[in-house]
Amino acid sequence: MATIGGYSIDLSAEQVSSPLSPSLALLNATGRVRTNNVGVGGRRNARIDYSFSEPGVYALQVKDIAANGGDSYLYHLNITPTTPDFDIAATPDNPNIGKGGTILLTVTAVRHVAFTDEIAIEVENLPTGVTASSGAILSEMN
């Protein structure tokens, strides 16, 4: 039984030296897939960050992406509560601005575990004579 809130669901086959190439899916009580994830970059790990908006019965489905299986196809599963969060990046990440020049930075955010708040953008610790405008990534933007 899941309660309301965010959770990280981590599956590791690497940690237990398993040949499993995981596909991890979260299913609702009727068996419908709510979200899924497969191991990426040749890794044998999968992760789902999910925010449950209502309590209920959910299931996790673990499969090998090549449909292999057997006694050696083990995995470690860890489910932990999380808080809403985000990652942020600016491009270019190391701007070079000449004297009297300007540069436009593109700022993007990836929201995790149902983070929906506005994200305030401010640039701090700039060299003397360099200024930057503040901004925001609104709740409906990434």
Protein backbone atom coordinates (compact mmCIF):
# COMPACT_ATOMS: atom_id res chain seq x y z
CA MET A 1 0.00 0.00 0.00
CA ALA A 2 1.56 3.29 -1.10
CA THR A 3 0.84 6.51 0.74
CA ILE A 4 0.67 10.00 -0.78
CA GLY A 5 4.08 11.50 -1.51
CA GLY A 6 7.20 11.06 -3.57
CA TYR A 7 9.33 7.94 -3.70
CA SER A 8 12.52 6.85 -5.41
CA ILE A 9 12.51 3.24 -6.54
CA ASP A 10 16.02 1.99 -7.30
CA LEU A 11 16.77 -1.40 -8.81
CA SER A 12 20.37 -2.57 -9.07
CA ALA A 13 21.51 -5.72 -10.80
CA GLU A 14 25.14 -4.54 -10.87
CA GLN A 15 25.31 -4.42 -7.07
CA VAL A 16 24.69 -8.18 -6.88
CA SER A 17 26.70 -9.10 -10.03
CA SER A 18 23.57 -10.18 -11.88
CA PRO A 19 23.32 -10.43 -15.69
CA LEU A 20 19.83 -8.85 -15.51
CA SER A 21 19.29 -5.90 -17.90
CA PRO A 22 16.29 -4.47 -16.07
CA SER A 23 13.06 -3.00 -17.21
CA LEU A 24 11.24 -1.61 -14.18
CA ALA A 25 7.56 -0.61 -14.32
CA LEU A 26 5.17 0.79 -11.72
CA LEU A 27 1.63 -0.54 -12.16
CA ASN A 28 -1.62 0.59 -10.56
CA ALA A 29 -4.14 -1.81 -9.00
CA THR A 30 -5.68 -2.60 -12.42
CA GLY A 31 -2.29 -3.45 -13.94
CA ARG A 32 -1.96 -0.24 -15.96
CA VAL A 33 1.59 1.10 -16.27
CA ARG A 34 1.95 4.42 -14.42
CA THR A 35 5.62 4.89 -15.37
CA ASN A 36 8.63 2.81 -16.33
CA ASN A 37 12.37 2.92 -16.75
CA VAL A 38 15.07 0.68 -18.17
CA GLY A 39 18.77 0.55 -17.42
CA VAL A 40 20.54 3.25 -19.40
CA GLY A 41 24.03 3.62 -20.82
CA GLY A 42 24.78 -0.10 -20.68
CA ARG A 43 24.22 -0.12 -16.92
CA ARG A 44 22.24 -2.79 -15.16
CA ASN A 45 20.34 -0.39 -12.91
CA ALA A 46 16.93 1.26 -13.24
CA ARG A 47 15.30 4.08 -11.28
CA ILE A 48 11.81 5.52 -11.02
CA ASP A 49 11.02 8.76 -9.19
CA TYR A 50 7.27 8.92 -8.68
CA SER A 51 4.85 11.07 -6.71
CA PHE A 52 1.73 9.25 -5.56
CA SER A 53 -1.25 11.62 -5.56
CA GLU A 54 -3.53 9.14 -3.82
CA PRO A 55 -2.98 6.14 -1.57
CA GLY A 56 -3.56 2.71 -3.04
CA VAL A 57 -2.22 -0.65 -4.06
CA TYR A 58 0.55 -0.55 -6.67
CA ALA A 59 2.86 -3.20 -8.08
CA LEU A 60 6.39 -3.21 -9.45
CA GLN A 61 7.13 -5.29 -12.51
CA VAL A 62 10.74 -6.34 -13.14
CA LYS A 63 11.72 -7.88 -16.48
CA ASP A 64 14.93 -8.53 -18.35
CA ILE A 65 14.90 -6.45 -21.56
CA ALA A 66 16.13 -9.48 -23.56
CA ALA A 67 13.52 -11.75 -21.88
CA ASN A 68 16.27 -13.80 -20.22
CA GLY A 69 15.94 -15.18 -16.73
CA GLY A 70 17.00 -17.82 -14.26
CA ASP A 71 18.43 -18.29 -10.79
CA SER A 72 21.34 -15.92 -11.43
CA TYR A 73 19.03 -13.03 -12.45
CA LEU A 74 18.95 -11.36 -9.06
CA TYR A 75 18.50 -7.70 -8.15
CA HIS A 76 18.51 -5.37 -5.17
CA LEU A 77 15.43 -3.15 -4.78
CA ASN A 78 15.40 -0.05 -2.60
CA ILE A 79 12.33 2.19 -2.12
CA THR A 80 12.80 5.44 -0.23
CA PRO A 81 10.61 8.50 0.38
CA THR A 82 11.88 11.63 -1.35
CA THR A 83 11.11 15.30 -1.44
CA PRO A 84 10.35 17.34 -4.56
CA ASP A 85 13.54 18.64 -6.14
CA PHE A 86 15.02 19.87 -9.42
CA ASP A 87 18.27 19.99 -11.38
CA ILE A 88 19.27 23.16 -13.18
CA ALA A 89 21.78 23.90 -15.96
CA ALA A 90 22.92 27.01 -17.84
CA THR A 91 24.27 27.13 -21.39
CA PRO A 92 26.98 28.14 -21.99
CA ASP A 93 28.20 26.85 -18.64
CA ASN A 94 31.37 28.97 -18.62
CA PRO A 95 30.59 32.18 -20.53
CA ASN A 96 33.43 34.44 -21.69
CA ILE A 97 32.28 38.05 -21.90
CA GLY A 98 34.51 40.79 -23.26
CA LYS A 99 34.59 44.28 -21.75
CA GLY A 100 31.29 46.05 -22.52
CA GLY A 101 29.84 42.83 -23.95
CA THR A 102 26.68 40.92 -23.22
CA ILE A 103 25.74 37.28 -23.38
CA LEU A 104 22.45 35.43 -23.23
CA LEU A 105 22.33 32.33 -21.03
CA THR A 106 19.77 29.60 -21.55
CA VAL A 107 18.69 28.12 -18.21
CA THR A 108 16.83 24.80 -18.11
CA ALA A 109 15.39 22.83 -15.21
CA VAL A 110 14.47 19.17 -14.85
CA ARG A 111 11.83 18.72 -12.16
CA HIS A 112 11.84 15.60 -9.98
CA VAL A 113 9.18 13.99 -7.81
CA ALA A 114 6.35 16.40 -8.60
CA PHE A 115 8.29 19.62 -7.99
CA THR A 116 5.92 22.30 -9.32
CA ASP A 117 7.06 25.52 -7.65
CA GLU A 118 8.50 28.51 -9.48
CA ILE A 119 12.31 28.45 -9.59
CA ALA A 120 13.96 31.83 -8.95
CA ILE A 121 17.13 32.44 -10.98
CA GLU A 122 19.84 34.76 -9.63
CA VAL A 123 23.52 34.96 -10.51
CA GLU A 124 25.81 35.64 -7.56
CA ASN A 125 29.52 36.26 -6.95
CA LEU A 126 30.14 38.00 -10.26
CA PRO A 127 33.37 39.95 -10.86
CA THR A 128 33.35 43.69 -10.23
CA GLY A 129 31.58 45.53 -13.05
CA VAL A 130 29.64 42.46 -14.26
CA THR A 131 25.89 42.39 -13.70
CA ALA A 132 23.14 39.88 -14.44
CA SER A 133 19.38 40.13 -14.50
CA SER A 134 17.36 37.84 -12.28
CA GLY A 135 14.60 35.68 -13.67
CA ALA A 136 12.35 32.74 -12.96
CA ILE A 137 11.29 29.44 -14.43
CA LEU A 138 7.55 29.45 -13.95
CA SER A 139 5.74 26.45 -12.51
CA GLU A 140 4.47 25.28 -15.92
CA MET A 141 7.89 25.61 -17.62
CA ASN A 142 11.07 23.47 -17.64
